[in-house]
Amino acid sequence: SSQPTVGGSLLPTEAGTNPATREKMTSMRLTIARRLSESKQTIPH
């Protein structure tokens, strides 16, 4: 009973049952994410 299932596949646990923390991304981290996404999507590597 720890996790509900549909068709044998586990569904995400209900909110609050798994302790978690939220951490705001820094300006530097956001820039890294943006630039690498742009690079991967627009440059034919």
PDB file of all heavy atoms in Angstrom:
ATOM      1  N   SER A   1       0.799  -1.219   0.000  1.00  0.00           N
ATOM      2  CA  SER A   1       0.000   0.000   0.000  1.00  0.00           C
ATOM      3  C   SER A   1       0.834   1.272   0.000  1.00  0.00           C
ATOM      4  O   SER A   1       0.296   2.353   0.053  1.00  0.00           O
ATOM      5  CB  SER A   1      -0.905   0.019   1.238  1.00  0.00           C
ATOM      6  OG  SER A   1      -0.115  -0.023   2.423  1.00  0.00           O
ATOM      7  N   SER A   2       2.152   1.157  -0.067  1.00  0.00           N
ATOM      8  CA  SER A   2       2.983   2.359  -0.002  1.00  0.00           C
ATOM      9  C   SER A   2       2.819   3.244  -1.220  1.00  0.00           C
ATOM     10  O   SER A   2       2.948   4.451  -1.152  1.00  0.00           O
ATOM     11  CB  SER A   2       4.465   1.971   0.140  1.00  0.00           C
ATOM     12  OG  SER A   2       4.863   1.176  -0.962  1.00  0.00           O
ATOM     13  N   GLN A   3       2.531   2.654  -2.407  1.00  0.00           N
ATOM     14  CA  GLN A   3       2.328   3.433  -3.614  1.00  0.00           C
ATOM     15  C   GLN A   3       1.179   2.847  -4.412  1.00  0.00           C
ATOM     16  O   GLN A   3       1.101   1.627  -4.614  1.00  0.00           O
ATOM     17  CB  GLN A   3       3.587   3.439  -4.503  1.00  0.00           C
ATOM     18  CG  GLN A   3       4.719   4.275  -3.940  1.00  0.00           C
ATOM     19  CD  GLN A   3       5.840   4.372  -4.941  1.00  0.00           C
ATOM     20  OE1 GLN A   3       6.040   3.492  -5.747  1.00  0.00           O
ATOM     21  NE2 GLN A   3       6.575   5.462  -4.895  1.00  0.00           N
ATOM     22  N   PRO A   4       0.226   3.672  -4.911  1.00  0.00           N
ATOM     23  CA  PRO A   4      -0.856   3.181  -5.757  1.00  0.00           C
ATOM     24  C   PRO A   4      -0.313   2.783  -7.118  1.00  0.00           C
ATOM     25  O   PRO A   4       0.736   3.272  -7.549  1.00  0.00           O
ATOM     26  CB  PRO A   4      -1.788   4.397  -5.872  1.00  0.00           C
ATOM     27  CG  PRO A   4      -0.905   5.574  -5.664  1.00  0.00           C
ATOM     28  CD  PRO A   4       0.145   5.123  -4.678  1.00  0.00           C
ATOM     29  N   THR A   5      -1.014   1.895  -7.808  1.00  0.00           N
ATOM     30  CA  THR A   5      -0.573   1.445  -9.124  1.00  0.00           C
ATOM     31  C   THR A   5      -1.711   1.487 -10.114  1.00  0.00           C
ATOM     32  O   THR A   5      -2.876   1.441  -9.764  1.00  0.00           O
ATOM     33  CB  THR A   5      -0.029  -0.004  -9.078  1.00  0.00           C
ATOM     34  OG1 THR A   5      -1.109  -0.875  -8.717  1.00  0.00           O
ATOM     35  CG2 THR A   5       1.105  -0.141  -8.093  1.00  0.00           C
ATOM     36  N   VAL A   6      -1.354   1.590 -11.399  1.00  0.00           N
ATOM     37  CA  VAL A   6      -2.306   1.482 -12.495  1.00  0.00           C
ATOM     38  C   VAL A   6      -1.698   0.546 -13.518  1.00  0.00           C
ATOM     39  O   VAL A   6      -0.598   0.802 -14.008  1.00  0.00           O
ATOM     40  CB  VAL A   6      -2.599   2.857 -13.135  1.00  0.00           C
ATOM     41  CG1 VAL A   6      -3.400   2.669 -14.418  1.00  0.00           C
ATOM     42  CG2 VAL A   6      -3.395   3.735 -12.175  1.00  0.00           C
ATOM     43  N   GLY A   7      -2.398  -0.533 -13.836  1.00  0.00           N
ATOM     44  CA  GLY A   7      -1.902  -1.462 -14.845  1.00  0.00           C
ATOM     45  C   GLY A   7      -0.539  -2.016 -14.515  1.00  0.00           C
ATOM     46  O   GLY A   7       0.249  -2.327 -15.405  1.00  0.00           O
ATOM     47  N   GLY A   8      -0.225  -2.148 -13.239  1.00  0.00           N
ATOM     48  CA  GLY A   8       1.057  -2.694 -12.834  1.00  0.00           C
ATOM     49  C   GLY A   8       2.161  -1.671 -12.756  1.00  0.00           C
ATOM     50  O   GLY A   8       3.260  -1.970 -12.318  1.00  0.00           O
ATOM     51  N   SER A   9       1.906  -0.399 -13.195  1.00  0.00           N
ATOM     52  CA  SER A   9       2.927   0.654 -13.140  1.00  0.00           C
ATOM     53  C   SER A   9       2.730   1.500 -11.895  1.00  0.00           C
ATOM     54  O   SER A   9       1.607   1.879 -11.559  1.00  0.00           O
ATOM     55  CB  SER A   9       2.833   1.562 -14.372  1.00  0.00           C
ATOM     56  OG  SER A   9       3.051   0.800 -15.545  1.00  0.00           O
ATOM     57  N   LEU A  10       3.814   1.796 -11.214  1.00  0.00           N
ATOM     58  CA  LEU A  10       3.720   2.612 -10.011  1.00  0.00           C
ATOM     59  C   LEU A  10       3.390   4.050 -10.360  1.00  0.00           C
ATOM     60  O   LEU A  10       3.975   4.637 -11.270  1.00  0.00           O
ATOM     61  CB  LEU A  10       5.046   2.564  -9.242  1.00  0.00           C
ATOM     62  CG  LEU A  10       5.404   1.227  -8.598  1.00  0.00           C
ATOM     63  CD1 LEU A  10       6.771   1.331  -7.951  1.00  0.00           C
ATOM     64  CD2 LEU A  10       4.368   0.836  -7.555  1.00  0.00           C
ATOM     65  N   LEU A  11       2.435   4.634  -9.634  1.00  0.00           N
ATOM     66  CA  LEU A  11       2.125   6.043  -9.788  1.00  0.00           C
ATOM     67  C   LEU A  11       2.994   6.858  -8.848  1.00  0.00           C
ATOM     68  O   LEU A  11       3.512   6.326  -7.860  1.00  0.00           O
ATOM     69  CB  LEU A  11       0.642   6.294  -9.461  1.00  0.00           C
ATOM     70  CG  LEU A  11      -0.374   5.707 -10.438  1.00  0.00           C
ATOM     71  CD1 LEU A  11      -1.782   5.973  -9.915  1.00  0.00           C
ATOM     72  CD2 LEU A  11      -0.209   6.305 -11.821  1.00  0.00           C
ATOM     73  N   PRO A  12       3.154   8.141  -9.097  1.00  0.00           N
ATOM     74  CA  PRO A  12       3.924   8.973  -8.165  1.00  0.00           C
ATOM     75  C   PRO A  12       3.306   8.944  -6.777  1.00  0.00           C
ATOM     76  O   PRO A  12       2.094   8.863  -6.614  1.00  0.00           O
ATOM     77  CB  PRO A  12       3.815  10.372  -8.787  1.00  0.00           C
ATOM     78  CG  PRO A  12       3.497  10.142 -10.214  1.00  0.00           C
ATOM     79  CD  PRO A  12       2.660   8.895 -10.247  1.00  0.00           C
ATOM     80  N   THR A  13       4.155   8.990  -5.762  1.00  0.00           N
ATOM     81  CA  THR A  13       3.654   9.004  -4.393  1.00  0.00           C
ATOM     82  C   THR A  13       2.887  10.282  -4.144  1.00  0.00           C
ATOM     83  O   THR A  13       3.126  11.304  -4.773  1.00  0.00           O
ATOM     84  CB  THR A  13       4.821   8.935  -3.389  1.00  0.00           C
ATOM     85  OG1 THR A  13       5.703  10.015  -3.658  1.00  0.00           O
ATOM     86  CG2 THR A  13       5.557   7.639  -3.490  1.00  0.00           C
ATOM     87  N   GLU A  14       1.946  10.250  -3.227  1.00  0.00           N
ATOM     88  CA  GLU A  14       1.154  11.418  -2.912  1.00  0.00           C
ATOM     89  C   GLU A  14       2.042  12.499  -2.299  1.00  0.00           C
ATOM     90  O   GLU A  14       3.012  12.206  -1.620  1.00  0.00           O
ATOM     91  CB  GLU A  14       0.027  11.047  -1.948  1.00  0.00           C
ATOM     92  CG  GLU A  14      -0.994  10.085  -2.568  1.00  0.00           C
ATOM     93  CD  GLU A  14      -2.095   9.775  -1.588  1.00  0.00           C
ATOM     94  OE1 GLU A  14      -2.077  10.349  -0.480  1.00  0.00           O
ATOM     95  OE2 GLU A  14      -2.977   8.976  -1.928  1.00  0.00           O
ATOM     96  N   ALA A  15       1.653  13.736  -2.526  1.00  0.00           N
ATOM     97  CA  ALA A  15       2.426  14.852  -2.003  1.00  0.00           C
ATOM     98  C   ALA A  15       2.551  14.759  -0.498  1.00  0.00           C
ATOM     99  O   ALA A  15       1.584  14.492   0.204  1.00  0.00           O
ATOM    100  CB  ALA A  15       1.761  16.173  -2.392  1.00  0.00           C
ATOM    101  N   GLY A  16       3.730  14.946   0.002  1.00  0.00           N
ATOM    102  CA  GLY A  16       3.950  14.959   1.441  1.00  0.00           C
ATOM    103  C   GLY A  16       4.432  13.656   2.013  1.00  0.00           C
ATOM    104  O   GLY A  16       4.925  13.615   3.137  1.00  0.00           O
ATOM    105  N   THR A  17       4.306  12.554   1.263  1.00  0.00           N
ATOM    106  CA  THR A  17       4.745  11.271   1.813  1.00  0.00           C
ATOM    107  C   THR A  17       6.244  11.070   1.672  1.00  0.00           C
ATOM    108  O   THR A  17       6.813  10.241   2.360  1.00  0.00           O
ATOM    109  CB  THR A  17       4.021  10.114   1.108  1.00  0.00           C
ATOM    110  OG1 THR A  17       4.341  10.152  -0.300  1.00  0.00           O
ATOM    111  CG2 THR A  17       2.509  10.228   1.288  1.00  0.00           C
ATOM    112  N   ASN A  18       6.859  11.806   0.769  1.00  0.00           N
ATOM    113  CA  ASN A  18       8.308  11.693   0.568  1.00  0.00           C
ATOM    114  C   ASN A  18       8.947  13.042   0.859  1.00  0.00           C
ATOM    115  O   ASN A  18       8.800  13.981   0.075  1.00  0.00           O
ATOM    116  CB  ASN A  18       8.612  11.271  -0.867  1.00  0.00           C
ATOM    117  CG  ASN A  18      10.090  10.987  -1.086  1.00  0.00           C
ATOM    118  OD1 ASN A  18      10.890  11.046  -0.159  1.00  0.00           O
ATOM    119  ND2 ASN A  18      10.449  10.680  -2.315  1.00  0.00           N
ATOM    120  N   PRO A  19       9.643  13.180   1.984  1.00  0.00           N
ATOM    121  CA  PRO A  19      10.241  14.484   2.334  1.00  0.00           C
ATOM    122  C   PRO A  19      11.143  14.998   1.215  1.00  0.00           C
ATOM    123  O   PRO A  19      11.926  14.242   0.654  1.00  0.00           O
ATOM    124  CB  PRO A  19      11.038  14.182   3.603  1.00  0.00           C
ATOM    125  CG  PRO A  19      10.394  12.962   4.166  1.00  0.00           C
ATOM    126  CD  PRO A  19       9.936  12.149   2.995  1.00  0.00           C
ATOM    127  N   ALA A  20      10.996  16.259   0.899  1.00  0.00           N
ATOM    128  CA  ALA A  20      11.792  16.861  -0.168  1.00  0.00           C
ATOM    129  C   ALA A  20      12.063  18.318   0.157  1.00  0.00           C
ATOM    130  O   ALA A  20      11.398  18.909   0.996  1.00  0.00           O
ATOM    131  CB  ALA A  20      11.052  16.755  -1.509  1.00  0.00           C
ATOM    132  N   THR A  21      13.059  18.864  -0.508  1.00  0.00           N
ATOM    133  CA  THR A  21      13.373  20.280  -0.352  1.00  0.00           C
ATOM    134  C   THR A  21      13.357  20.934  -1.723  1.00  0.00           C
ATOM    135  O   THR A  21      13.605  20.280  -2.740  1.00  0.00           O
ATOM    136  CB  THR A  21      14.754  20.494   0.276  1.00  0.00           C
ATOM    137  OG1 THR A  21      15.759  19.879  -0.559  1.00  0.00           O
ATOM    138  CG2 THR A  21      14.821  19.877   1.673  1.00  0.00           C
ATOM    139  N   ARG A  22      13.039  22.209  -1.752  1.00  0.00           N
ATOM    140  CA  ARG A  22      13.075  22.986  -2.990  1.00  0.00           C
ATOM    141  C   ARG A  22      14.232  23.977  -2.902  1.00  0.00           C
ATOM    142  O   ARG A  22      14.355  24.674  -1.906  1.00  0.00           O
ATOM    143  CB  ARG A  22      11.767  23.736  -3.197  1.00  0.00           C
ATOM    144  CG  ARG A  22      10.583  22.842  -3.529  1.00  0.00           C
ATOM    145  CD  ARG A  22       9.323  23.665  -3.731  1.00  0.00           C
ATOM    146  NE  ARG A  22       8.188  22.825  -4.014  1.00  0.00           N
ATOM    147  CZ  ARG A  22       7.799  22.462  -5.241  1.00  0.00           C
ATOM    148  NH1 ARG A  22       8.495  22.903  -6.275  1.00  0.00           N
ATOM    149  NH2 ARG A  22       6.755  21.694  -5.419  1.00  0.00           N
ATOM    150  N   GLU A  23      15.036  24.000  -3.934  1.00  0.00           N
ATOM    151  CA  GLU A  23      16.191  24.889  -3.954  1.00  0.00           C
ATOM    152  C   GLU A  23      16.143  25.744  -5.205  1.00  0.00           C
ATOM    153  O   GLU A  23      16.159  25.221  -6.319  1.00  0.00           O
ATOM    154  CB  GLU A  23      17.489  24.071  -3.930  1.00  0.00           C
ATOM    155  CG  GLU A  23      18.744  24.905  -3.879  1.00  0.00           C
ATOM    156  CD  GLU A  23      19.991  24.035  -3.758  1.00  0.00           C
ATOM    157  OE1 GLU A  23      20.089  23.257  -2.804  1.00  0.00           O
ATOM    158  OE2 GLU A  23      20.850  24.141  -4.648  1.00  0.00           O
ATOM    159  N   LYS A  24      16.042  27.054  -5.012  1.00  0.00           N
ATOM    160  CA  LYS A  24      15.984  27.965  -6.145  1.00  0.00           C
ATOM    161  C   LYS A  24      17.304  27.947  -6.901  1.00  0.00           C
ATOM    162  O   LYS A  24      18.375  28.030  -6.305  1.00  0.00           O
ATOM    163  CB  LYS A  24      15.675  29.382  -5.664  1.00  0.00           C
ATOM    164  CG  LYS A  24      15.447  30.370  -6.794  1.00  0.00           C
ATOM    165  CD  LYS A  24      15.066  31.732  -6.247  1.00  0.00           C
ATOM    166  CE  LYS A  24      14.835  32.722  -7.370  1.00  0.00           C
ATOM    167  NZ  LYS A  24      14.454  34.057  -6.849  1.00  0.00           N
ATOM    168  N   MET A  25      17.225  27.822  -8.209  1.00  0.00           N
ATOM    169  CA  MET A  25      18.435  27.801  -9.020  1.00  0.00           C
ATOM    170  C   MET A  25      19.078  29.186  -9.018  1.00  0.00           C
ATOM    171  O   MET A  25      18.392  30.204  -9.097  1.00  0.00           O
ATOM    172  CB  MET A  25      18.124  27.366 -10.452  1.00  0.00           C
ATOM    173  CG  MET A  25      17.647  25.926 -10.554  1.00  0.00           C
ATOM    174  SD  MET A  25      17.231  25.454 -12.244  1.00  0.00           S
ATOM    175  CE  MET A  25      18.862  25.322 -12.974  1.00  0.00           C
ATOM    176  N   THR A  26      20.409  29.211  -8.932  1.00  0.00           N
ATOM    177  CA  THR A  26      21.134  30.468  -8.962  1.00  0.00           C
ATOM    178  C   THR A  26      21.133  31.032 -10.378  1.00  0.00           C
ATOM    179  O   THR A  26      20.843  30.324 -11.356  1.00  0.00           O
ATOM    180  CB  THR A  26      22.584  30.277  -8.504  1.00  0.00           C
ATOM    181  OG1 THR A  26      23.253  29.419  -9.452  1.00  0.00           O
ATOM    182  CG2 THR A  26      22.643  29.653  -7.115  1.00  0.00           C
ATOM    183  N   SER A  27      21.474  32.301 -10.499  1.00  0.00           N
ATOM    184  CA  SER A  27      21.581  32.916 -11.823  1.00  0.00           C
ATOM    185  C   SER A  27      22.592  32.167 -12.679  1.00  0.00           C
ATOM    186  O   SER A  27      22.385  31.947 -13.877  1.00  0.00           O
ATOM    187  CB  SER A  27      21.986  34.385 -11.682  1.00  0.00           C
ATOM    188  OG  SER A  27      21.015  35.114 -10.978  1.00  0.00           O
ATOM    189  N   MET A  28      23.694  31.745 -12.053  1.00  0.00           N
ATOM    190  CA  MET A  28      24.726  31.018 -12.782  1.00  0.00           C
ATOM    191  C   MET A  28      24.199  29.681 -13.284  1.00  0.00           C
ATOM    192  O   MET A  28      24.407  29.294 -14.434  1.00  0.00           O
ATOM    193  CB  MET A  28      25.941  30.798 -11.875  1.00  0.00           C
ATOM    194  CG  MET A  28      27.091  30.062 -12.534  1.00  0.00           C
ATOM    195  SD  MET A  28      28.489  29.886 -11.398  1.00  0.00           S
ATOM    196  CE  MET A  28      29.648  29.009 -12.432  1.00  0.00           C
ATOM    197  N   ARG A  29      23.465  28.952 -12.414  1.00  0.00           N
ATOM    198  CA  ARG A  29      22.932  27.652 -12.796  1.00  0.00           C
ATOM    199  C   ARG A  29      21.901  27.779 -13.904  1.00  0.00           C
ATOM    200  O   ARG A  29      21.842  26.973 -14.833  1.00  0.00           O
ATOM    201  CB  ARG A  29      22.305  27.006 -11.562  1.00  0.00           C
ATOM    202  CG  ARG A  29      21.867  25.554 -11.726  1.00  0.00           C
ATOM    203  CD  ARG A  29      23.047  24.621 -11.709  1.00  0.00           C
ATOM    204  NE  ARG A  29      23.377  24.093 -13.015  1.00  0.00           N
ATOM    205  CZ  ARG A  29      24.433  23.325 -13.254  1.00  0.00           C
ATOM    206  NH1 ARG A  29      25.269  23.009 -12.282  1.00  0.00           N
ATOM    207  NH2 ARG A  29      24.671  22.873 -14.453  1.00  0.00           N
ATOM    208  N   LEU A  30      21.056  28.829 -13.829  1.00  0.00           N
ATOM    209  CA  LEU A  30      20.057  29.065 -14.863  1.00  0.00           C
ATOM    210  C   LEU A  30      20.721  29.382 -16.200  1.00  0.00           C
ATOM    211  O   LEU A  30      20.259  28.947 -17.259  1.00  0.00           O
ATOM    212  CB  LEU A  30      19.137  30.216 -14.451  1.00  0.00           C
ATOM    213  CG  LEU A  30      18.106  29.896 -13.360  1.00  0.00           C
ATOM    214  CD1 LEU A  30      17.436  31.181 -12.886  1.00  0.00           C
ATOM    215  CD2 LEU A  30      17.061  28.911 -13.872  1.00  0.00           C
ATOM    216  N   THR A  31      21.817  30.155 -16.152  1.00  0.00           N
ATOM    217  CA  THR A  31      22.540  30.481 -17.377  1.00  0.00           C
ATOM    218  C   THR A  31      23.155  29.235 -17.997  1.00  0.00           C
ATOM    219  O   THR A  31      23.111  29.037 -19.217  1.00  0.00           O
ATOM    220  CB  THR A  31      23.641  31.518 -17.098  1.00  0.00           C
ATOM    221  OG1 THR A  31      23.034  32.701 -16.585  1.00  0.00           O
ATOM    222  CG2 THR A  31      24.408  31.856 -18.362  1.00  0.00           C
ATOM    223  N   ILE A  32      23.735  28.379 -17.151  1.00  0.00           N
ATOM    224  CA  ILE A  32      24.301  27.115 -17.646  1.00  0.00           C
ATOM    225  C   ILE A  32      23.222  26.288 -18.326  1.00  0.00           C
ATOM    226  O   ILE A  32      23.412  25.756 -19.424  1.00  0.00           O
ATOM    227  CB  ILE A  32      24.942  26.330 -16.488  1.00  0.00           C
ATOM    228  CG1 ILE A  32      26.184  27.059 -15.960  1.00  0.00           C
ATOM    229  CG2 ILE A  32      25.313  24.914 -16.941  1.00  0.00           C
ATOM    230  CD1 ILE A  32      26.740  26.467 -14.684  1.00  0.00           C
ATOM    231  N   ALA A  33      22.058  26.177 -17.678  1.00  0.00           N
ATOM    232  CA  ALA A  33      20.958  25.397 -18.234  1.00  0.00           C
ATOM    233  C   ALA A  33      20.509  25.962 -19.580  1.00  0.00           C
ATOM    234  O   ALA A  33      20.300  25.223 -20.550  1.00  0.00           O
ATOM    235  CB  ALA A  33      19.791  25.376 -17.251  1.00  0.00           C
ATOM    236  N   ARG A  34      20.386  27.289 -19.638  1.00  0.00           N
ATOM    237  CA  ARG A  34      19.922  27.918 -20.880  1.00  0.00           C
ATOM    238  C   ARG A  34      20.927  27.748 -22.011  1.00  0.00           C
ATOM    239  O   ARG A  34      20.562  27.352 -23.125  1.00  0.00           O
ATOM    240  CB  ARG A  34      19.654  29.401 -20.629  1.00  0.00           C
ATOM    241  CG  ARG A  34      19.291  30.191 -21.887  1.00  0.00           C
ATOM    242  CD  ARG A  34      18.960  31.635 -21.556  1.00  0.00           C
ATOM    243  NE  ARG A  34      20.050  32.301 -20.867  1.00  0.00           N
ATOM    244  CZ  ARG A  34      21.115  32.809 -21.476  1.00  0.00           C
ATOM    245  NH1 ARG A  34      21.250  32.694 -22.786  1.00  0.00           N
ATOM    246  NH2 ARG A  34      22.050  33.429 -20.788  1.00  0.00           N
ATOM    247  N   ARG A  35      22.193  28.013 -21.715  1.00  0.00           N
ATOM    248  CA  ARG A  35      23.209  27.957 -22.771  1.00  0.00           C
ATOM    249  C   ARG A  35      23.430  26.534 -23.275  1.00  0.00           C
ATOM    250  O   ARG A  35      23.591  26.309 -24.482  1.00  0.00           O
ATOM    251  CB  ARG A  35      24.527  28.547 -22.250  1.00  0.00           C
ATOM    252  CG  ARG A  35      24.491  30.065 -22.129  1.00  0.00           C
ATOM    253  CD  ARG A  35      25.780  30.596 -21.529  1.00  0.00           C
ATOM    254  NE  ARG A  35      26.937  30.258 -22.342  1.00  0.00           N
ATOM    255  CZ  ARG A  35      27.352  30.931 -23.402  1.00  0.00           C
ATOM    256  NH1 ARG A  35      26.675  31.985 -23.805  1.00  0.00           N
ATOM    257  NH2 ARG A  35      28.429  30.570 -24.070  1.00  0.00           N
ATOM    258  N   LEU A  36      23.442  25.558 -22.365  1.00  0.00           N
ATOM    259  CA  LEU A  36      23.652  24.185 -22.800  1.00  0.00           C
ATOM    260  C   LEU A  36      22.458  23.670 -23.589  1.00  0.00           C
ATOM    261  O   LEU A  36      22.616  22.906 -24.546  1.00  0.00           O
ATOM    262  CB  LEU A  36      23.928  23.286 -21.594  1.00  0.00           C
ATOM    263  CG  LEU A  36      25.263  23.519 -20.888  1.00  0.00           C
ATOM    264  CD1 LEU A  36      25.444  22.540 -19.748  1.00  0.00           C
ATOM    265  CD2 LEU A  36      26.431  23.377 -21.867  1.00  0.00           C
ATOM    266  N   SER A  37      21.255  24.073 -23.190  1.00  0.00           N
ATOM    267  CA  SER A  37      20.063  23.675 -23.944  1.00  0.00           C
ATOM    268  C   SER A  37      20.115  24.257 -25.351  1.00  0.00           C
ATOM    269  O   SER A  37      19.841  23.557 -26.342  1.00  0.00           O
ATOM    270  CB  SER A  37      18.793  24.143 -23.231  1.00  0.00           C
ATOM    271  OG  SER A  37      18.640  23.489 -21.987  1.00  0.00           O
ATOM    272  N   GLU A  38      20.460  25.538 -25.450  1.00  0.00           N
ATOM    273  CA  GLU A  38      20.565  26.170 -26.757  1.00  0.00           C
ATOM    274  C   GLU A  38      21.628  25.489 -27.615  1.00  0.00           C
ATOM    275  O   GLU A  38      21.422  25.250 -28.813  1.00  0.00           O
ATOM    276  CB  GLU A  38      20.896  27.652 -26.596  1.00  0.00           C
ATOM    277  CG  GLU A  38      19.760  28.483 -26.013  1.00  0.00           C
ATOM    278  CD  GLU A  38      20.178  29.912 -25.724  1.00  0.00           C
ATOM    279  OE1 GLU A  38      21.387  30.215 -25.911  1.00  0.00           O
ATOM    280  OE2 GLU A  38      19.329  30.711 -25.318  1.00  0.00           O
ATOM    281  N   SER A  39      22.763  25.164 -26.992  1.00  0.00           N
ATOM    282  CA  SER A  39      23.856  24.528 -27.721  1.00  0.00           C
ATOM    283  C   SER A  39      23.433  23.165 -28.259  1.00  0.00           C
ATOM    284  O   SER A  39      23.632  22.845 -29.439  1.00  0.00           O
ATOM    285  CB  SER A  39      25.086  24.383 -26.825  1.00  0.00           C
ATOM    286  OG  SER A  39      26.118  23.688 -27.494  1.00  0.00           O
ATOM    287  N   LYS A  40      22.819  22.370 -27.392  1.00  0.00           N
ATOM    288  CA  LYS A  40      22.442  21.009 -27.774  1.00  0.00           C
ATOM    289  C   LYS A  40      21.357  21.015 -28.844  1.00  0.00           C
ATOM    290  O   LYS A  40      21.330  20.160 -29.736  1.00  0.00           O
ATOM    291  CB  LYS A  40      21.952  20.255 -26.530  1.00  0.00           C
ATOM    292  CG  LYS A  40      21.758  18.768 -26.741  1.00  0.00           C
ATOM    293  CD  LYS A  40      23.073  18.051 -26.951  1.00  0.00           C
ATOM    294  CE  LYS A  40      22.866  16.540 -26.970  1.00  0.00           C
ATOM    295  NZ  LYS A  40      24.123  15.827 -27.258  1.00  0.00           N
ATOM    296  N   GLN A  41      20.459  21.995 -28.777  1.00  0.00           N
ATOM    297  CA  GLN A  41      19.319  22.030 -29.694  1.00  0.00           C
ATOM    298  C   GLN A  41      19.638  22.695 -31.027  1.00  0.00           C
ATOM    299  O   GLN A  41      19.006  22.375 -32.033  1.00  0.00           O
ATOM    300  CB  GLN A  41      18.149  22.762 -29.019  1.00  0.00           C
ATOM    301  CG  GLN A  41      17.570  22.017 -27.834  1.00  0.00           C
ATOM    302  CD  GLN A  41      16.615  22.881 -27.020  1.00  0.00           C
ATOM    303  OE1 GLN A  41      16.292  23.998 -27.419  1.00  0.00           O
ATOM    304  NE2 GLN A  41      16.176  22.371 -25.891  1.00  0.00           N
ATOM    305  N   THR A  42      20.596  23.610 -31.047  1.00  0.00           N
ATOM    306  CA  THR A  42      20.826  24.402 -32.257  1.00  0.00           C
ATOM    307  C   THR A  42      22.126  24.082 -32.984  1.00  0.00           C
ATOM    308  O   THR A  42      22.267  24.443 -34.158  1.00  0.00           O
ATOM    309  CB  THR A  42      20.815  25.909 -31.928  1.00  0.00           C
ATOM    310  OG1 THR A  42      21.901  26.211 -31.033  1.00  0.00           O
ATOM    311  CG2 THR A  42      19.498  26.315 -31.274  1.00  0.00           C
ATOM    312  N   ILE A  43      23.072  23.442 -32.312  1.00  0.00           N
ATOM    313  CA  ILE A  43      24.362  23.137 -32.949  1.00  0.00           C
ATOM    314  C   ILE A  43      24.398  21.675 -33.371  1.00  0.00           C
ATOM    315  O   ILE A  43      24.215  20.782 -32.539  1.00  0.00           O
ATOM    316  CB  ILE A  43      25.535  23.436 -31.999  1.00  0.00           C
ATOM    317  CG1 ILE A  43      25.592  24.927 -31.662  1.00  0.00           C
ATOM    318  CG2 ILE A  43      26.860  23.007 -32.627  1.00  0.00           C
ATOM    319  CD1 ILE A  43      26.695  25.293 -30.691  1.00  0.00           C
ATOM    320  N   PRO A  44      24.647  21.408 -34.665  1.00  0.00           N
ATOM    321  CA  PRO A  44      24.765  20.015 -35.124  1.00  0.00           C
ATOM    322  C   PRO A  44      26.105  19.422 -34.686  1.00  0.00           C
ATOM    323  O   PRO A  44      27.109  19.538 -35.387  1.00  0.00           O
ATOM    324  CB  PRO A  44      24.656  20.138 -36.643  1.00  0.00           C
ATOM    325  CG  PRO A  44      25.135  21.523 -36.948  1.00  0.00           C
ATOM    326  CD  PRO A  44      24.758  22.378 -35.778  1.00  0.00           C
ATOM    327  N   HIS A  45      26.097  18.799 -33.507  1.00  0.00           N
ATOM    328  CA  HIS A  45      27.316  18.206 -32.968  1.00  0.00           C
ATOM    329  C   HIS A  45      27.676  16.911 -33.702  1.00  0.00           C
ATOM    330  O   HIS A  45      26.808  16.138 -34.089  1.00  0.00           O
ATOM    331  CB  HIS A  45      27.121  17.830 -31.494  1.00  0.00           C
ATOM    332  CG  HIS A  45      27.104  18.970 -30.538  1.00  0.00           C
ATOM    333  ND1 HIS A  45      26.154  19.962 -30.561  1.00  0.00           N
ATOM    334  CD2 HIS A  45      27.904  19.256 -29.473  1.00  0.00           C
ATOM    335  CE1 HIS A  45      26.373  20.810 -29.569  1.00  0.00           C
ATOM    336  NE2 HIS A  45      27.429  20.419 -28.904  1.00  0.00           N
TER     337      HIS A  45
END
